[in-house]
PDB file of N, CA and C in Angstrom:
ATOM      1  N   MET A   1      16.774  47.767 -83.077  1.00  0.00           N
ATOM      2  CA  MET A   1      18.182  47.515 -83.319  1.00  0.00           C
ATOM      3  C   MET A   1      18.772  46.752 -82.150  1.00  0.00           C
ATOM      4  N   ASP A   2      19.371  45.619 -82.408  1.00  0.00           N
ATOM      5  CA  ASP A   2      19.982  44.829 -81.339  1.00  0.00           C
ATOM      6  C   ASP A   2      21.490  45.062 -81.347  1.00  0.00           C
ATOM      7  N   ASP A   3      21.914  46.008 -80.520  1.00  0.00           N
ATOM      8  CA  ASP A   3      23.338  46.337 -80.444  1.00  0.00           C
ATOM      9  C   ASP A   3      23.972  45.878 -79.133  1.00  0.00           C
ATOM     10  N   GLY A   4      23.251  45.000 -78.411  1.00  0.00           N
ATOM     11  CA  GLY A   4      23.784  44.506 -77.141  1.00  0.00           C
ATOM     12  C   GLY A   4      23.585  45.464 -75.984  1.00  0.00           C
ATOM     13  N   VAL A   5      22.772  46.498 -76.194  1.00  0.00           N
ATOM     14  CA  VAL A   5      22.492  47.484 -75.145  1.00  0.00           C
ATOM     15  C   VAL A   5      21.006  47.431 -74.839  1.00  0.00           C
ATOM     16  N   TYR A   6      20.663  47.374 -73.560  1.00  0.00           N
ATOM     17  CA  TYR A   6      19.265  47.386 -73.141  1.00  0.00           C
ATOM     18  C   TYR A   6      19.051  48.598 -72.253  1.00  0.00           C
ATOM     19  N   VAL A   7      18.042  49.378 -72.542  1.00  0.00           N
ATOM     20  CA  VAL A   7      17.675  50.524 -71.723  1.00  0.00           C
ATOM     21  C   VAL A   7      16.263  50.283 -71.223  1.00  0.00           C
ATOM     22  N   GLY A   8      16.067  50.406 -69.921  1.00  0.00           N
ATOM     23  CA  GLY A   8      14.751  50.156 -69.366  1.00  0.00           C
ATOM     24  C   GLY A   8      14.501  50.997 -68.137  1.00  0.00           C
ATOM     25  N   HIS A   9      13.414  50.681 -67.470  1.00  0.00           N
ATOM     26  CA  HIS A   9      13.045  51.320 -66.216  1.00  0.00           C
ATOM     27  C   HIS A   9      12.817  50.212 -65.199  1.00  0.00           C
ATOM     28  N   ALA A  10      13.516  50.284 -64.067  1.00  0.00           N
ATOM     29  CA  ALA A  10      13.456  49.203 -63.077  1.00  0.00           C
ATOM     30  C   ALA A  10      12.028  48.895 -62.652  1.00  0.00           C
ATOM     31  N   GLY A  11      11.237  49.915 -62.367  1.00  0.00           N
ATOM     32  CA  GLY A  11       9.864  49.672 -61.919  1.00  0.00           C
ATOM     33  C   GLY A  11       9.022  48.995 -62.979  1.00  0.00           C
ATOM     34  N   ALA A  12       9.091  49.480 -64.207  1.00  0.00           N
ATOM     35  CA  ALA A  12       8.294  48.905 -65.290  1.00  0.00           C
ATOM     36  C   ALA A  12       8.764  47.500 -65.648  1.00  0.00           C
ATOM     37  N   ASP A  13      10.069  47.306 -65.784  1.00  0.00           N
ATOM     38  CA  ASP A  13      10.585  45.985 -66.139  1.00  0.00           C
ATOM     39  C   ASP A  13      10.359  44.975 -65.021  1.00  0.00           C
ATOM     40  N   ALA A  14      10.519  45.409 -63.787  1.00  0.00           N
ATOM     41  CA  ALA A  14      10.330  44.511 -62.646  1.00  0.00           C
ATOM     42  C   ALA A  14       8.903  43.995 -62.584  1.00  0.00           C
ATOM     43  N   ALA A  15       7.942  44.842 -62.924  1.00  0.00           N
ATOM     44  CA  ALA A  15       6.534  44.450 -62.873  1.00  0.00           C
ATOM     45  C   ALA A  15       6.218  43.320 -63.851  1.00  0.00           C
ATOM     46  N   LEU A  16       7.044  43.146 -64.852  1.00  0.00           N
ATOM     47  CA  LEU A  16       6.809  42.116 -65.864  1.00  0.00           C
ATOM     48  C   LEU A  16       7.349  40.751 -65.468  1.00  0.00           C
ATOM     49  N   ASP A  17       8.211  40.690 -64.456  1.00  0.00           N
ATOM     50  CA  ASP A  17       8.894  39.427 -64.161  1.00  0.00           C
ATOM     51  C   ASP A  17       9.208  39.270 -62.675  1.00  0.00           C
ATOM     52  N   LYS A  18       8.218  39.480 -61.819  1.00  0.00           N
ATOM     53  CA  LYS A  18       8.362  39.302 -60.366  1.00  0.00           C
ATOM     54  C   LYS A  18       9.554  40.059 -59.791  1.00  0.00           C
ATOM     55  N   GLY A  19       9.912  41.176 -60.407  1.00  0.00           N
ATOM     56  CA  GLY A  19      10.987  42.009 -59.895  1.00  0.00           C
ATOM     57  C   GLY A  19      12.339  41.778 -60.535  1.00  0.00           C
ATOM     58  N   TRP A  20      12.494  40.690 -61.259  1.00  0.00           N
ATOM     59  CA  TRP A  20      13.811  40.325 -61.777  1.00  0.00           C
ATOM     60  C   TRP A  20      14.190  41.141 -62.999  1.00  0.00           C
ATOM     61  N   LEU A  21      15.367  41.728 -62.946  1.00  0.00           N
ATOM     62  CA  LEU A  21      15.899  42.532 -64.048  1.00  0.00           C
ATOM     63  C   LEU A  21      16.991  41.806 -64.811  1.00  0.00           C
ATOM     64  N   LEU A  22      17.682  40.883 -64.145  1.00  0.00           N
ATOM     65  CA  LEU A  22      18.831  40.220 -64.751  1.00  0.00           C
ATOM     66  C   LEU A  22      19.013  38.849 -64.119  1.00  0.00           C
ATOM     67  N   GLY A  23      19.401  37.857 -64.911  1.00  0.00           N
ATOM     68  CA  GLY A  23      19.664  36.521 -64.380  1.00  0.00           C
ATOM     69  C   GLY A  23      19.709  35.482 -65.477  1.00  0.00           C
ATOM     70  N   HIS A  24      19.934  34.236 -65.081  1.00  0.00           N
ATOM     71  CA  HIS A  24      20.034  33.147 -66.051  1.00  0.00           C
ATOM     72  C   HIS A  24      18.724  32.913 -66.798  1.00  0.00           C
ATOM     73  N   PHE A  25      17.613  33.345 -66.220  1.00  0.00           N
ATOM     74  CA  PHE A  25      16.282  33.095 -66.764  1.00  0.00           C
ATOM     75  C   PHE A  25      15.847  34.130 -67.804  1.00  0.00           C
ATOM     76  N   LYS A  26      16.658  35.160 -68.043  1.00  0.00           N
ATOM     77  CA  LYS A  26      16.339  36.152 -69.075  1.00  0.00           C
ATOM     78  C   LYS A  26      16.750  35.621 -70.445  1.00  0.00           C
ATOM     79  N   ASP A  27      16.220  36.224 -71.493  1.00  0.00           N
ATOM     80  CA  ASP A  27      16.486  35.804 -72.863  1.00  0.00           C
ATOM     81  C   ASP A  27      17.990  35.678 -73.114  1.00  0.00           C
ATOM     82  N   PRO A  28      18.466  34.484 -73.452  1.00  0.00           N
ATOM     83  CA  PRO A  28      19.906  34.277 -73.651  1.00  0.00           C
ATOM     84  C   PRO A  28      20.523  35.150 -74.740  1.00  0.00           C
ATOM     85  N   SER A  29      19.714  35.675 -75.643  1.00  0.00           N
ATOM     86  CA  SER A  29      20.267  36.511 -76.712  1.00  0.00           C
ATOM     87  C   SER A  29      20.410  37.980 -76.286  1.00  0.00           C
ATOM     88  N   GLY A  30      19.924  38.325 -75.092  1.00  0.00           N
ATOM     89  CA  GLY A  30      19.966  39.721 -74.655  1.00  0.00           C
ATOM     90  C   GLY A  30      20.996  39.983 -73.577  1.00  0.00           C
ATOM     91  N   PRO A  31      21.337  41.241 -73.351  1.00  0.00           N
ATOM     92  CA  PRO A  31      22.349  41.588 -72.356  1.00  0.00           C
ATOM     93  C   PRO A  31      21.896  41.420 -70.905  1.00  0.00           C
ATOM     94  N   ARG A  32      20.593  41.160 -70.677  1.00  0.00           N
ATOM     95  CA  ARG A  32      20.126  40.948 -69.294  1.00  0.00           C
ATOM     96  C   ARG A  32      20.263  39.496 -68.850  1.00  0.00           C
ATOM     97  N   HIS A  33      20.699  38.642 -69.757  1.00  0.00           N
ATOM     98  CA  HIS A  33      20.959  37.242 -69.403  1.00  0.00           C
ATOM     99  C   HIS A  33      22.315  37.164 -68.691  1.00  0.00           C
ATOM    100  N   SER A  34      22.346  36.483 -67.544  1.00  0.00           N
ATOM    101  CA  SER A  34      23.603  36.322 -66.810  1.00  0.00           C
ATOM    102  C   SER A  34      23.584  35.028 -66.030  1.00  0.00           C
ATOM    103  N   GLU A  35      24.633  34.274 -66.168  1.00  0.00           N
ATOM    104  CA  GLU A  35      24.811  33.071 -65.366  1.00  0.00           C
ATOM    105  C   GLU A  35      25.573  33.430 -64.085  1.00  0.00           C
ATOM    106  N   ALA A  36      26.136  34.624 -64.057  1.00  0.00           N
ATOM    107  CA  ALA A  36      26.976  35.032 -62.936  1.00  0.00           C
ATOM    108  C   ALA A  36      26.176  35.597 -61.776  1.00  0.00           C
ATOM    109  N   LEU A  37      25.117  36.375 -62.073  1.00  0.00           N
ATOM    110  CA  LEU A  37      24.365  36.991 -60.978  1.00  0.00           C
ATOM    111  C   LEU A  37      22.941  37.290 -61.382  1.00  0.00           C
ATOM    112  N   GLU A  38      22.140  37.650 -60.377  1.00  0.00           N
ATOM    113  CA  GLU A  38      20.742  38.014 -60.560  1.00  0.00           C
ATOM    114  C   GLU A  38      20.520  39.357 -59.876  1.00  0.00           C
ATOM    115  N   ILE A  39      19.681  40.176 -60.478  1.00  0.00           N
ATOM    116  CA  ILE A  39      19.341  41.469 -59.878  1.00  0.00           C
ATOM    117  C   ILE A  39      17.829  41.594 -59.846  1.00  0.00           C
ATOM    118  N   LYS A  40      17.323  42.027 -58.689  1.00  0.00           N
ATOM    119  CA  LYS A  40      15.881  42.169 -58.494  1.00  0.00           C
ATOM    120  C   LYS A  40      15.576  43.549 -57.930  1.00  0.00           C
ATOM    121  N   TRP A  41      14.551  44.197 -58.471  1.00  0.00           N
ATOM    122  CA  TRP A  41      14.012  45.458 -57.980  1.00  0.00           C
ATOM    123  C   TRP A  41      12.738  45.084 -57.244  1.00  0.00           C
ATOM    124  N   GLY A  42      12.761  45.166 -55.929  1.00  0.00           N
ATOM    125  CA  GLY A  42      11.615  44.746 -55.139  1.00  0.00           C
ATOM    126  C   GLY A  42      10.847  45.928 -54.578  1.00  0.00           C
ATOM    127  N   VAL A  43       9.552  45.984 -54.873  1.00  0.00           N
ATOM    128  CA  VAL A  43       8.660  47.003 -54.320  1.00  0.00           C
ATOM    129  C   VAL A  43       7.673  46.269 -53.430  1.00  0.00           C
ATOM    130  N   HIS A  44       7.678  46.619 -52.134  1.00  0.00           N
ATOM    131  CA  HIS A  44       6.900  45.863 -51.156  1.00  0.00           C
ATOM    132  C   HIS A  44       5.990  46.785 -50.357  1.00  0.00           C
ATOM    133  N   PRO A  45       4.674  46.488 -50.328  1.00  0.00           N
ATOM    134  CA  PRO A  45       3.755  47.299 -49.520  1.00  0.00           C
ATOM    135  C   PRO A  45       3.997  47.061 -48.028  1.00  0.00           C
ATOM    136  N   PRO A  46       3.561  47.990 -47.185  1.00  0.00           N
ATOM    137  CA  PRO A  46       3.758  47.805 -45.745  1.00  0.00           C
ATOM    138  C   PRO A  46       3.110  46.512 -45.264  1.00  0.00           C
ATOM    139  N   GLY A  47       3.836  45.779 -44.438  1.00  0.00           N
ATOM    140  CA  GLY A  47       3.320  44.538 -43.870  1.00  0.00           C
ATOM    141  C   GLY A  47       3.581  43.305 -44.711  1.00  0.00           C
ATOM    142  N   GLU A  48       4.030  43.482 -45.953  1.00  0.00           N
ATOM    143  CA  GLU A  48       4.330  42.300 -46.774  1.00  0.00           C
ATOM    144  C   GLU A  48       5.538  41.587 -46.170  1.00  0.00           C
ATOM    145  N   GLU A  49       5.452  40.264 -46.131  1.00  0.00           N
ATOM    146  CA  GLU A  49       6.563  39.509 -45.574  1.00  0.00           C
ATOM    147  C   GLU A  49       6.748  38.191 -46.289  1.00  0.00           C
ATOM    148  N   ARG A  50       7.936  37.662 -46.141  1.00  0.00           N
ATOM    149  CA  ARG A  50       8.222  36.302 -46.588  1.00  0.00           C
ATOM    150  C   ARG A  50       8.088  35.454 -45.327  1.00  0.00           C
ATOM    151  N   ALA A  51       6.910  34.874 -45.158  1.00  0.00           N
ATOM    152  CA  ALA A  51       6.614  34.133 -43.940  1.00  0.00           C
ATOM    153  C   ALA A  51       7.428  32.842 -43.840  1.00  0.00           C
ATOM    154  N   GLU A  52       7.608  32.169 -44.980  1.00  0.00           N
ATOM    155  CA  GLU A  52       8.412  30.951 -44.987  1.00  0.00           C
ATOM    156  C   GLU A  52       9.875  31.321 -45.171  1.00  0.00           C
ATOM    157  N   TRP A  53      10.714  30.756 -44.365  1.00  0.00           N
ATOM    158  CA  TRP A  53      12.141  31.038 -44.449  1.00  0.00           C
ATOM    159  C   TRP A  53      12.740  30.408 -45.687  1.00  0.00           C
ATOM    160  N   VAL A  54      13.687  31.110 -46.294  1.00  0.00           N
ATOM    161  CA  VAL A  54      14.502  30.526 -47.367  1.00  0.00           C
ATOM    162  C   VAL A  54      15.551  29.687 -46.663  1.00  0.00           C
ATOM    163  N   ARG A  55      15.578  28.408 -46.974  1.00  0.00           N
ATOM    164  CA  ARG A  55      16.518  27.493 -46.326  1.00  0.00           C
ATOM    165  C   ARG A  55      17.407  26.844 -47.390  1.00  0.00           C
ATOM    166  N   GLY A  56      18.625  26.547 -47.024  1.00  0.00           N
ATOM    167  CA  GLY A  56      19.540  25.883 -47.937  1.00  0.00           C
ATOM    168  C   GLY A  56      19.955  26.766 -49.104  1.00  0.00           C
ATOM    169  N   GLU A  57      20.056  28.051 -48.848  1.00  0.00           N
ATOM    170  CA  GLU A  57      20.436  29.008 -49.891  1.00  0.00           C
ATOM    171  C   GLU A  57      21.773  28.628 -50.525  1.00  0.00           C
ATOM    172  N   GLU A  58      21.820  28.683 -51.851  1.00  0.00           N
ATOM    173  CA  GLU A  58      23.040  28.324 -52.583  1.00  0.00           C
ATOM    174  C   GLU A  58      23.780  29.540 -53.112  1.00  0.00           C
ATOM    175  N   ARG A  59      23.274  30.747 -52.814  1.00  0.00           N
ATOM    176  CA  ARG A  59      23.874  31.965 -53.355  1.00  0.00           C
ATOM    177  C   ARG A  59      24.287  32.903 -52.232  1.00  0.00           C
ATOM    178  N   THR A  60      25.137  33.840 -52.571  1.00  0.00           N
ATOM    179  CA  THR A  60      25.451  34.972 -51.709  1.00  0.00           C
ATOM    180  C   THR A  60      24.528  36.095 -52.160  1.00  0.00           C
ATOM    181  N   ALA A  61      24.108  36.951 -51.228  1.00  0.00           N
ATOM    182  CA  ALA A  61      23.176  38.015 -51.581  1.00  0.00           C
ATOM    183  C   ALA A  61      23.567  39.342 -50.945  1.00  0.00           C
ATOM    184  N   LEU A  62      23.223  40.404 -51.648  1.00  0.00           N
ATOM    185  CA  LEU A  62      23.363  41.775 -51.181  1.00  0.00           C
ATOM    186  C   LEU A  62      22.010  42.419 -51.366  1.00  0.00           C
ATOM    187  N   LEU A  63      21.462  43.023 -50.306  1.00  0.00           N
ATOM    188  CA  LEU A  63      20.191  43.722 -50.390  1.00  0.00           C
ATOM    189  C   LEU A  63      20.414  45.157 -49.934  1.00  0.00           C
ATOM    190  N   VAL A  64      20.055  46.127 -50.798  1.00  0.00           N
ATOM    191  CA  VAL A  64      20.240  47.543 -50.526  1.00  0.00           C
ATOM    192  C   VAL A  64      18.874  48.205 -50.410  1.00  0.00           C
ATOM    193  N   LEU A  65      18.665  48.990 -49.348  1.00  0.00           N
ATOM    194  CA  LEU A  65      17.423  49.733 -49.172  1.00  0.00           C
ATOM    195  C   LEU A  65      17.470  51.004 -50.023  1.00  0.00           C
ATOM    196  N   ILE A  66      16.485  51.148 -50.901  1.00  0.00           N
ATOM    197  CA  ILE A  66      16.349  52.351 -51.714  1.00  0.00           C
ATOM    198  C   ILE A  66      15.414  53.326 -50.994  1.00  0.00           C
ATOM    199  N   ALA A  67      14.306  52.805 -50.465  1.00  0.00           N
ATOM    200  CA  ALA A  67      13.326  53.629 -49.745  1.00  0.00           C
ATOM    201  C   ALA A  67      12.543  52.744 -48.788  1.00  0.00           C
ATOM    202  N   GLY A  68      12.060  53.324 -47.697  1.00  0.00           N
ATOM    203  CA  GLY A  68      11.202  52.609 -46.753  1.00  0.00           C
ATOM    204  C   GLY A  68      11.935  52.127 -45.526  1.00  0.00           C
ATOM    205  N   ARG A  69      11.412  51.040 -44.973  1.00  0.00           N
ATOM    206  CA  ARG A  69      11.939  50.431 -43.743  1.00  0.00           C
ATOM    207  C   ARG A  69      11.746  48.937 -43.910  1.00  0.00           C
ATOM    208  N   PHE A  70      12.841  48.182 -43.933  1.00  0.00           N
ATOM    209  CA  PHE A  70      12.805  46.773 -44.328  1.00  0.00           C
ATOM    210  C   PHE A  70      13.609  45.951 -43.336  1.00  0.00           C
ATOM    211  N   ARG A  71      13.008  44.887 -42.828  1.00  0.00           N
ATOM    212  CA  ARG A  71      13.651  44.028 -41.822  1.00  0.00           C
ATOM    213  C   ARG A  71      14.012  42.683 -42.441  1.00  0.00           C
ATOM    214  N   LEU A  72      15.279  42.296 -42.301  1.00  0.00           N
ATOM    215  CA  LEU A  72      15.749  40.971 -42.695  1.00  0.00           C
ATOM    216  C   LEU A  72      15.875  40.141 -41.438  1.00  0.00           C
ATOM    217  N   ARG A  73      15.393  38.913 -41.515  1.00  0.00           N
ATOM    218  CA  ARG A  73      15.461  38.005 -40.368  1.00  0.00           C
ATOM    219  C   ARG A  73      16.439  36.881 -40.696  1.00  0.00           C
ATOM    220  N   PHE A  74      17.347  36.664 -39.777  1.00  0.00           N
ATOM    221  CA  PHE A  74      18.316  35.578 -39.878  1.00  0.00           C
ATOM    222  C   PHE A  74      18.223  34.774 -38.584  1.00  0.00           C
ATOM    223  N   PRO A  75      18.664  33.531 -38.567  1.00  0.00           N
ATOM    224  CA  PRO A  75      18.603  32.753 -37.333  1.00  0.00           C
ATOM    225  C   PRO A  75      19.324  33.494 -36.199  1.00  0.00           C
ATOM    226  N   GLY A  76      18.578  33.830 -35.165  1.00  0.00           N
ATOM    227  CA  GLY A  76      19.158  34.481 -33.998  1.00  0.00           C
ATOM    228  C   GLY A  76      19.463  35.954 -34.158  1.00  0.00           C
ATOM    229  N   ARG A  77      19.045  36.571 -35.288  1.00  0.00           N
ATOM    230  CA  ARG A  77      19.393  37.981 -35.503  1.00  0.00           C
ATOM    231  C   ARG A  77      18.453  38.626 -36.517  1.00  0.00           C
ATOM    232  N   ASP A  78      17.998  39.835 -36.211  1.00  0.00           N
ATOM    233  CA  ASP A  78      17.254  40.661 -37.159  1.00  0.00           C
ATOM    234  C   ASP A  78      18.121  41.844 -37.542  1.00  0.00           C
ATOM    235  N   VAL A  79      17.994  42.288 -38.789  1.00  0.00           N
ATOM    236  CA  VAL A  79      18.702  43.470 -39.271  1.00  0.00           C
ATOM    237  C   VAL A  79      17.648  44.417 -39.829  1.00  0.00           C
ATOM    238  N   LEU A  80      17.614  45.646 -39.317  1.00  0.00           N
ATOM    239  CA  LEU A  80      16.658  46.640 -39.776  1.00  0.00           C
ATOM    240  C   LEU A  80      17.361  47.644 -40.685  1.00  0.00           C
ATOM    241  N   LEU A  81      16.865  47.746 -41.913  1.00  0.00           N
ATOM    242  CA  LEU A  81      17.369  48.730 -42.858  1.00  0.00           C
ATOM    243  C   LEU A  81      16.373  49.885 -42.841  1.00  0.00           C
ATOM    244  N   GLU A  82      16.822  51.077 -42.462  1.00  0.00           N
ATOM    245  CA  GLU A  82      15.883  52.192 -42.330  1.00  0.00           C
ATOM    246  C   GLU A  82      16.355  53.493 -42.957  1.00  0.00           C
ATOM    247  N   ARG A  83      17.617  53.557 -43.391  1.00  0.00           N
ATOM    248  CA  ARG A  83      18.114  54.755 -44.074  1.00  0.00           C
ATOM    249  C   ARG A  83      18.470  54.379 -45.507  1.00  0.00           C
ATOM    250  N   GLN A  84      18.121  55.236 -46.448  1.00  0.00           N
ATOM    251  CA  GLN A  84      18.465  54.972 -47.835  1.00  0.00           C
ATOM    252  C   GLN A  84      19.945  54.634 -47.922  1.00  0.00           C
ATOM    253  N   GLY A  85      20.241  53.524 -48.571  1.00  0.00           N
ATOM    254  CA  GLY A  85      21.628  53.084 -48.699  1.00  0.00           C
ATOM    255  C   GLY A  85      22.048  52.040 -47.684  1.00  0.00           C
ATOM    256  N   ASP A  86      21.264  51.828 -46.621  1.00  0.00           N
ATOM    257  CA  ASP A  86      21.578  50.736 -45.696  1.00  0.00           C
ATOM    258  C   ASP A  86      21.553  49.431 -46.485  1.00  0.00           C
ATOM    259  N   TYR A  87      22.458  48.521 -46.150  1.00  0.00           N
ATOM    260  CA  TYR A  87      22.474  47.248 -46.858  1.00  0.00           C
ATOM    261  C   TYR A  87      22.955  46.132 -45.951  1.00  0.00           C
ATOM    262  N   VAL A  88      22.695  44.912 -46.393  1.00  0.00           N
ATOM    263  CA  VAL A  88      23.132  43.717 -45.686  1.00  0.00           C
ATOM    264  C   VAL A  88      23.585  42.699 -46.733  1.00  0.00           C
ATOM    265  N   VAL A  89      24.609  41.945 -46.378  1.00  0.00           N
ATOM    266  CA  VAL A  89      25.128  40.880 -47.238  1.00  0.00           C
ATOM    267  C   VAL A  89      25.094  39.593 -46.429  1.00  0.00           C
ATOM    268  N   TRP A  90      24.643  38.508 -47.044  1.00  0.00           N
ATOM    269  CA  TRP A  90      24.699  37.210 -46.376  1.00  0.00           C
ATOM    270  C   TRP A  90      25.169  36.158 -47.363  1.00  0.00           C
ATOM    271  N   GLY A  91      25.791  35.140 -46.816  1.00  0.00           N
ATOM    272  CA  GLY A  91      26.441  34.126 -47.639  1.00  0.00           C
ATOM    273  C   GLY A  91      25.617  32.877 -47.846  1.00  0.00           C
ATOM    274  N   ARG A  92      26.204  31.988 -48.591  1.00  0.00           N
ATOM    275  CA  ARG A  92      25.580  30.690 -48.870  1.00  0.00           C
ATOM    276  C   ARG A  92      25.289  29.975 -47.567  1.00  0.00           C
ATOM    277  N   GLY A  93      24.155  29.308 -47.555  1.00  0.00           N
ATOM    278  CA  GLY A  93      23.785  28.521 -46.387  1.00  0.00           C
ATOM    279  C   GLY A  93      23.128  29.306 -45.266  1.00  0.00           C
ATOM    280  N   VAL A  94      22.969  30.635 -45.421  1.00  0.00           N
ATOM    281  CA  VAL A  94      22.351  31.450 -44.368  1.00  0.00           C
ATOM    282  C   VAL A  94      20.843  31.538 -44.628  1.00  0.00           C
ATOM    283  N   ASP A  95      20.048  30.958 -43.731  1.00  0.00           N
ATOM    284  CA  ASP A  95      18.593  31.011 -43.855  1.00  0.00           C
ATOM    285  C   ASP A  95      18.122  32.437 -43.593  1.00  0.00           C
ATOM    286  N   HIS A  96      17.010  32.815 -44.236  1.00  0.00           N
ATOM    287  CA  HIS A  96      16.509  34.172 -44.030  1.00  0.00           C
ATOM    288  C   HIS A  96      15.028  34.296 -44.388  1.00  0.00           C
ATOM    289  N   SER A  97      14.432  35.359 -43.879  1.00  0.00           N
ATOM    290  CA  SER A  97      13.104  35.804 -44.281  1.00  0.00           C
ATOM    291  C   SER A  97      13.108  37.330 -44.141  1.00  0.00           C
ATOM    292  N   TRP A  98      11.994  37.982 -44.468  1.00  0.00           N
ATOM    293  CA  TRP A  98      11.977  39.437 -44.410  1.00  0.00           C
ATOM    294  C   TRP A  98      10.577  39.976 -44.173  1.00  0.00           C
ATOM    295  N   LEU A  99      10.528  41.263 -43.793  1.00  0.00           N
ATOM    296  CA  LEU A  99       9.275  41.976 -43.545  1.00  0.00           C
ATOM    297  C   LEU A  99       9.453  43.423 -43.970  1.00  0.00           C
ATOM    298  N   ALA A 100       8.520  43.933 -44.765  1.00  0.00           N
ATOM    299  CA  ALA A 100       8.499  45.354 -45.116  1.00  0.00           C
ATOM    300  C   ALA A 100       7.723  46.077 -44.024  1.00  0.00           C
ATOM    301  N   GLU A 101       8.407  46.790 -43.151  1.00  0.00           N
ATOM    302  CA  GLU A 101       7.735  47.495 -42.058  1.00  0.00           C
ATOM    303  C   GLU A 101       6.988  48.726 -42.559  1.00  0.00           C
ATOM    304  N   GLU A 102       7.488  49.312 -43.648  1.00  0.00           N
ATOM    305  CA  GLU A 102       6.829  50.415 -44.351  1.00  0.00           C
ATOM    306  C   GLU A 102       6.873  50.043 -45.832  1.00  0.00           C
ATOM    307  N   GLU A 103       6.168  50.821 -46.668  1.00  0.00           N
ATOM    308  CA  GLU A 103       6.332  50.606 -48.095  1.00  0.00           C
ATOM    309  C   GLU A 103       7.811  50.732 -48.405  1.00  0.00           C
ATOM    310  N   SER A 104       8.368  49.724 -49.068  1.00  0.00           N
ATOM    311  CA  SER A 104       9.809  49.667 -49.263  1.00  0.00           C
ATOM    312  C   SER A 104      10.175  49.329 -50.695  1.00  0.00           C
ATOM    313  N   VAL A 105      11.308  49.882 -51.116  1.00  0.00           N
ATOM    314  CA  VAL A 105      11.919  49.535 -52.386  1.00  0.00           C
ATOM    315  C   VAL A 105      13.324  49.052 -52.057  1.00  0.00           C
ATOM    316  N   VAL A 106      13.658  47.847 -52.522  1.00  0.00           N
ATOM    317  CA  VAL A 106      14.975  47.265 -52.267  1.00  0.00           C
ATOM    318  C   VAL A 106      15.559  46.736 -53.571  1.00  0.00           C
ATOM    319  N   LEU A 107      16.868  46.780 -53.651  1.00  0.00           N
ATOM    320  CA  LEU A 107      17.592  46.204 -54.778  1.00  0.00           C
ATOM    321  C   LEU A 107      18.366  45.008 -54.242  1.00  0.00           C
ATOM    322  N   THR A 108      18.135  43.846 -54.835  1.00  0.00           N
ATOM    323  CA  THR A 108      18.816  42.630 -54.407  1.00  0.00           C
ATOM    324  C   THR A 108      19.716  42.129 -55.527  1.00  0.00           C
ATOM    325  N   VAL A 109      20.942  41.797 -55.169  1.00  0.00           N
ATOM    326  CA  VAL A 109      21.886  41.183 -56.095  1.00  0.00           C
ATOM    327  C   VAL A 109      22.266  39.833 -55.492  1.00  0.00           C
ATOM    328  N   ARG A 110      22.114  38.764 -56.282  1.00  0.00           N
ATOM    329  CA  ARG A 110      22.476  37.423 -55.813  1.00  0.00           C
ATOM    330  C   ARG A 110      23.431  36.789 -56.804  1.00  0.00           C
ATOM    331  N   TRP A 111      24.345  36.013 -56.277  1.00  0.00           N
ATOM    332  CA  TRP A 111      25.279  35.319 -57.166  1.00  0.00           C
ATOM    333  C   TRP A 111      25.692  33.999 -56.565  1.00  0.00           C
ATOM    334  N   PRO A 112      25.942  32.997 -57.430  1.00  0.00           N
ATOM    335  CA  PRO A 112      25.716  32.983 -58.876  1.00  0.00           C
ATOM    336  C   PRO A 112      24.231  32.862 -59.192  1.00  0.00           C
ATOM    337  N   SER A 113      23.881  32.960 -60.463  1.00  0.00           N
ATOM    338  CA  SER A 113      22.500  32.781 -60.900  1.00  0.00           C
ATOM    339  C   SER A 113      22.269  31.274 -61.047  1.00  0.00           C
ATOM    340  N   VAL A 114      21.506  30.722 -60.134  1.00  0.00           N
ATOM    341  CA  VAL A 114      21.333  29.269 -60.050  1.00  0.00           C
ATOM    342  C   VAL A 114      19.979  28.854 -60.623  1.00  0.00           C
ATOM    343  N   PRO A 115      19.956  28.038 -61.685  1.00  0.00           N
ATOM    344  CA  PRO A 115      18.678  27.557 -62.225  1.00  0.00           C
ATOM    345  C   PRO A 115      17.834  26.909 -61.134  1.00  0.00           C
ATOM    346  N   GLY A 116      16.525  27.185 -61.187  1.00  0.00           N
ATOM    347  CA  GLY A 116      15.603  26.604 -60.222  1.00  0.00           C
ATOM    348  C   GLY A 116      15.326  27.530 -59.046  1.00  0.00           C
ATOM    349  N   TYR A 117      15.983  28.666 -58.982  1.00  0.00           N
ATOM    350  CA  TYR A 117      15.798  29.585 -57.864  1.00  0.00           C
ATOM    351  C   TYR A 117      15.252  30.939 -58.302  1.00  0.00           C
ATOM    352  N   ARG A 118      14.527  30.970 -59.393  1.00  0.00           N
ATOM    353  CA  ARG A 118      14.038  32.243 -59.903  1.00  0.00           C
ATOM    354  C   ARG A 118      13.036  32.885 -58.963  1.00  0.00           C
ATOM    355  N   ALA A 119      12.032  32.151 -58.557  1.00  0.00           N
ATOM    356  CA  ALA A 119      10.989  32.709 -57.711  1.00  0.00           C
ATOM    357  C   ALA A 119      11.512  32.949 -56.310  1.00  0.00           C
ATOM    358  N   GLY A 120      10.874  33.852 -55.635  1.00  0.00           N
ATOM    359  CA  GLY A 120      11.261  34.128 -54.254  1.00  0.00           C
ATOM    360  C   GLY A 120      12.276  35.230 -54.185  1.00  0.00           C
ATOM    361  N   GLY A 121      12.878  35.373 -53.057  1.00  0.00           N
ATOM    362  CA  GLY A 121      13.872  36.409 -52.944  1.00  0.00           C
ATOM    363  C   GLY A 121      13.916  36.890 -51.582  1.00  0.00           C
TER     364      GLY A 121
END
């Protein structure tokens, strides 16, 4: 029944699409399609990192630590998220990379949902 309601599990759904739960790249006929924002459920093993920096970011982002210990790297500054609920927000044009210091689960919200930026995070 398609009543405009989607019920899922973040871990299971994320595994099907590189962590992405919502964004412009989801089925346009479903409620998980959004041109306004993107949501990602990220599960990262210890030591996993984004070695290449994201440069020229066109979105604003919010990253919330659900579990683990997660380091965000920004030019001239590192931010360590180590308590459940710790979060960081960064704006357009802010370069970044990250490192999972322990097994980590993070929720990322980015806006707007910009075509061509699905991969990565």
